[in-house]
Amino acid sequence: MNWEIVEENWQDYAGNIKTRWNKLTEDHLALIDGKRVKLAGKIQEAYGFTDNEVEQELKFFERTIDQIL
């Protein structure tokens, strides 16, 4: 999956991201604005994940994104 799709349609995906990673606030989502690197950083900050764990989380999200919308 191409992350540009998420970035271009951020408002459509933001609610699903908030559901998946519920420690992220609306302010976080506004700051992330679809940027994968920013999302990874906020997930890592909120959950204390390692770089590898965050990458696994995001890859899983990317694999399942087609089922979300």
N, C-alpha and C. Protein backbone atom coordinates (compact mmCIF):
# COMPACT_ATOMS: atom_id res chain seq x y z
N MET A 1 0.83 -1.17 0.00
CA MET A 1 0.00 0.00 0.00
C MET A 1 0.88 1.23 0.00
N ASN A 2 0.47 2.20 -0.74
CA ASN A 2 1.21 3.44 -0.86
C ASN A 2 0.71 4.41 0.22
N TRP A 3 1.60 4.86 1.09
CA TRP A 3 1.20 5.74 2.19
C TRP A 3 0.63 7.05 1.69
N GLU A 4 0.96 7.44 0.47
CA GLU A 4 0.42 8.69 -0.08
C GLU A 4 -1.11 8.68 -0.09
N ILE A 5 -1.70 7.52 -0.23
CA ILE A 5 -3.16 7.40 -0.21
C ILE A 5 -3.69 7.83 1.15
N VAL A 6 -3.03 7.37 2.21
CA VAL A 6 -3.43 7.75 3.57
C VAL A 6 -3.24 9.25 3.75
N GLU A 7 -2.10 9.74 3.33
CA GLU A 7 -1.81 11.16 3.50
C GLU A 7 -2.83 12.04 2.76
N GLU A 8 -3.16 11.66 1.54
CA GLU A 8 -4.11 12.44 0.75
C GLU A 8 -5.53 12.38 1.30
N ASN A 9 -5.85 11.29 2.01
CA ASN A 9 -7.19 11.08 2.54
C ASN A 9 -7.16 11.01 4.06
N TRP A 10 -6.33 11.82 4.66
CA TRP A 10 -6.08 11.75 6.09
C TRP A 10 -7.35 11.80 6.93
N GLN A 11 -8.26 12.67 6.58
CA GLN A 11 -9.49 12.79 7.36
C GLN A 11 -10.30 11.50 7.34
N ASP A 12 -10.23 10.77 6.24
CA ASP A 12 -10.94 9.50 6.14
C ASP A 12 -10.31 8.42 7.02
N TYR A 13 -9.01 8.48 7.19
CA TYR A 13 -8.29 7.46 7.95
C TYR A 13 -8.06 7.82 9.41
N ALA A 14 -8.13 9.08 9.75
CA ALA A 14 -7.79 9.54 11.10
C ALA A 14 -8.63 8.86 12.18
N GLY A 15 -9.90 8.69 11.94
CA GLY A 15 -10.75 8.03 12.93
C GLY A 15 -10.35 6.60 13.17
N ASN A 16 -9.99 5.89 12.09
CA ASN A 16 -9.54 4.51 12.22
C ASN A 16 -8.20 4.43 12.95
N ILE A 17 -7.36 5.40 12.72
CA ILE A 17 -6.07 5.44 13.41
C ILE A 17 -6.30 5.71 14.89
N LYS A 18 -7.22 6.61 15.20
CA LYS A 18 -7.54 6.91 16.60
C LYS A 18 -8.11 5.67 17.30
N THR A 19 -8.94 4.90 16.59
CA THR A 19 -9.49 3.68 17.16
C THR A 19 -8.39 2.65 17.41
N ARG A 20 -7.49 2.50 16.45
CA ARG A 20 -6.40 1.51 16.57
C ARG A 20 -5.42 1.90 17.67
N TRP A 21 -5.05 3.17 17.71
CA TRP A 21 -4.10 3.68 18.70
C TRP A 21 -4.81 4.75 19.52
N ASN A 22 -5.63 4.30 20.46
CA ASN A 22 -6.53 5.21 21.18
C ASN A 22 -5.85 6.16 22.16
N LYS A 23 -4.57 6.01 22.36
CA LYS A 23 -3.85 6.98 23.20
C LYS A 23 -3.52 8.26 22.43
N LEU A 24 -3.69 8.22 21.12
CA LEU A 24 -3.45 9.42 20.32
C LEU A 24 -4.66 10.33 20.43
N THR A 25 -4.40 11.59 20.63
CA THR A 25 -5.48 12.57 20.80
C THR A 25 -5.81 13.23 19.46
N GLU A 26 -6.88 13.98 19.46
CA GLU A 26 -7.25 14.75 18.27
C GLU A 26 -6.13 15.74 17.92
N ASP A 27 -5.49 16.31 18.95
CA ASP A 27 -4.36 17.22 18.70
C ASP A 27 -3.21 16.48 18.03
N HIS A 28 -2.92 15.26 18.47
CA HIS A 28 -1.88 14.45 17.83
C HIS A 28 -2.21 14.25 16.35
N LEU A 29 -3.46 13.84 16.10
CA LEU A 29 -3.86 13.57 14.72
C LEU A 29 -3.74 14.81 13.85
N ALA A 30 -4.07 15.96 14.39
CA ALA A 30 -3.94 17.20 13.65
C ALA A 30 -2.47 17.50 13.33
N LEU A 31 -1.59 17.26 14.30
CA LEU A 31 -0.16 17.49 14.08
C LEU A 31 0.44 16.48 13.10
N ILE A 32 -0.02 15.25 13.14
CA ILE A 32 0.49 14.20 12.27
C ILE A 32 0.15 14.51 10.82
N ASP A 33 -1.09 14.93 10.59
CA ASP A 33 -1.56 15.36 9.26
C ASP A 33 -1.19 14.39 8.15
N GLY A 34 -1.28 13.09 8.44
CA GLY A 34 -1.05 12.08 7.42
C GLY A 34 0.40 11.66 7.22
N LYS A 35 1.31 12.30 7.89
CA LYS A 35 2.74 11.98 7.72
C LYS A 35 3.10 10.71 8.49
N ARG A 36 3.58 9.71 7.80
CA ARG A 36 3.89 8.41 8.39
C ARG A 36 4.94 8.53 9.49
N VAL A 37 5.97 9.30 9.24
CA VAL A 37 7.05 9.45 10.22
C VAL A 37 6.52 10.09 11.50
N LYS A 38 5.67 11.09 11.35
CA LYS A 38 5.09 11.74 12.54
C LYS A 38 4.18 10.78 13.28
N LEU A 39 3.40 9.99 12.55
CA LEU A 39 2.53 9.00 13.18
C LEU A 39 3.37 7.99 13.95
N ALA A 40 4.43 7.51 13.34
CA ALA A 40 5.31 6.54 14.01
C ALA A 40 5.86 7.13 15.30
N GLY A 41 6.29 8.37 15.25
CA GLY A 41 6.85 9.02 16.44
C GLY A 41 5.83 9.16 17.55
N LYS A 42 4.60 9.54 17.20
CA LYS A 42 3.56 9.71 18.21
C LYS A 42 3.13 8.36 18.80
N ILE A 43 3.08 7.33 17.97
CA ILE A 43 2.76 5.99 18.48
C ILE A 43 3.85 5.54 19.44
N GLN A 44 5.09 5.74 19.05
CA GLN A 44 6.21 5.34 19.89
C GLN A 44 6.19 6.10 21.21
N GLU A 45 5.92 7.38 21.15
CA GLU A 45 5.85 8.22 22.35
C GLU A 45 4.71 7.78 23.27
N ALA A 46 3.55 7.52 22.70
CA ALA A 46 2.37 7.18 23.49
C ALA A 46 2.42 5.78 24.08
N TYR A 47 3.01 4.84 23.36
CA TYR A 47 2.98 3.44 23.77
C TYR A 47 4.32 2.89 24.23
N GLY A 48 5.39 3.63 24.03
CA GLY A 48 6.70 3.16 24.45
C GLY A 48 7.25 2.03 23.59
N PHE A 49 6.78 1.95 22.34
CA PHE A 49 7.24 0.91 21.44
C PHE A 49 8.65 1.21 20.95
N THR A 50 9.35 0.15 20.58
CA THR A 50 10.65 0.31 19.92
C THR A 50 10.40 0.69 18.47
N ASP A 51 11.46 1.10 17.78
CA ASP A 51 11.34 1.42 16.36
C ASP A 51 10.77 0.24 15.59
N ASN A 52 11.27 -0.96 15.90
CA ASN A 52 10.82 -2.17 15.21
C ASN A 52 9.34 -2.45 15.48
N GLU A 53 8.91 -2.27 16.71
CA GLU A 53 7.51 -2.51 17.06
C GLU A 53 6.59 -1.53 16.34
N VAL A 54 6.99 -0.28 16.27
CA VAL A 54 6.19 0.72 15.57
C VAL A 54 6.10 0.37 14.10
N GLU A 55 7.21 -0.03 13.53
CA GLU A 55 7.21 -0.38 12.11
C GLU A 55 6.29 -1.58 11.85
N GLN A 56 6.31 -2.56 12.74
CA GLN A 56 5.42 -3.71 12.60
C GLN A 56 3.95 -3.27 12.70
N GLU A 57 3.66 -2.39 13.64
CA GLU A 57 2.30 -1.87 13.80
C GLU A 57 1.83 -1.17 12.51
N LEU A 58 2.68 -0.31 11.98
CA LEU A 58 2.30 0.43 10.78
C LEU A 58 2.17 -0.47 9.56
N LYS A 59 3.04 -1.46 9.44
CA LYS A 59 2.94 -2.39 8.32
C LYS A 59 1.65 -3.19 8.40
N PHE A 60 1.25 -3.60 9.61
CA PHE A 60 -0.01 -4.30 9.77
C PHE A 60 -1.17 -3.40 9.37
N PHE A 61 -1.14 -2.15 9.82
CA PHE A 61 -2.17 -1.18 9.46
C PHE A 61 -2.25 -1.02 7.94
N GLU A 62 -1.10 -0.90 7.30
CA GLU A 62 -1.06 -0.74 5.85
C GLU A 62 -1.65 -1.96 5.14
N ARG A 63 -1.37 -3.15 5.66
CA ARG A 63 -1.90 -4.38 5.04
C ARG A 63 -3.41 -4.47 5.18
N THR A 64 -3.95 -3.92 6.24
CA THR A 64 -5.38 -4.06 6.50
C THR A 64 -6.18 -2.83 6.10
N ILE A 65 -5.53 -1.80 5.62
CA ILE A 65 -6.20 -0.53 5.34
C ILE A 65 -7.29 -0.67 4.29
N ASP A 66 -7.11 -1.54 3.33
CA ASP A 66 -8.13 -1.71 2.30
C ASP A 66 -9.44 -2.22 2.88
N GLN A 67 -9.37 -2.93 3.97
CA GLN A 67 -10.56 -3.46 4.62
C GLN A 67 -11.27 -2.40 5.46
N ILE A 68 -10.55 -1.33 5.79
CA ILE A 68 -11.09 -0.29 6.66
C ILE A 68 -12.09 0.58 5.94
N LEU A 69 -11.73 1.03 4.75
CA LEU A 69 -12.62 1.93 4.02
C LEU A 69 -13.43 1.19 2.98
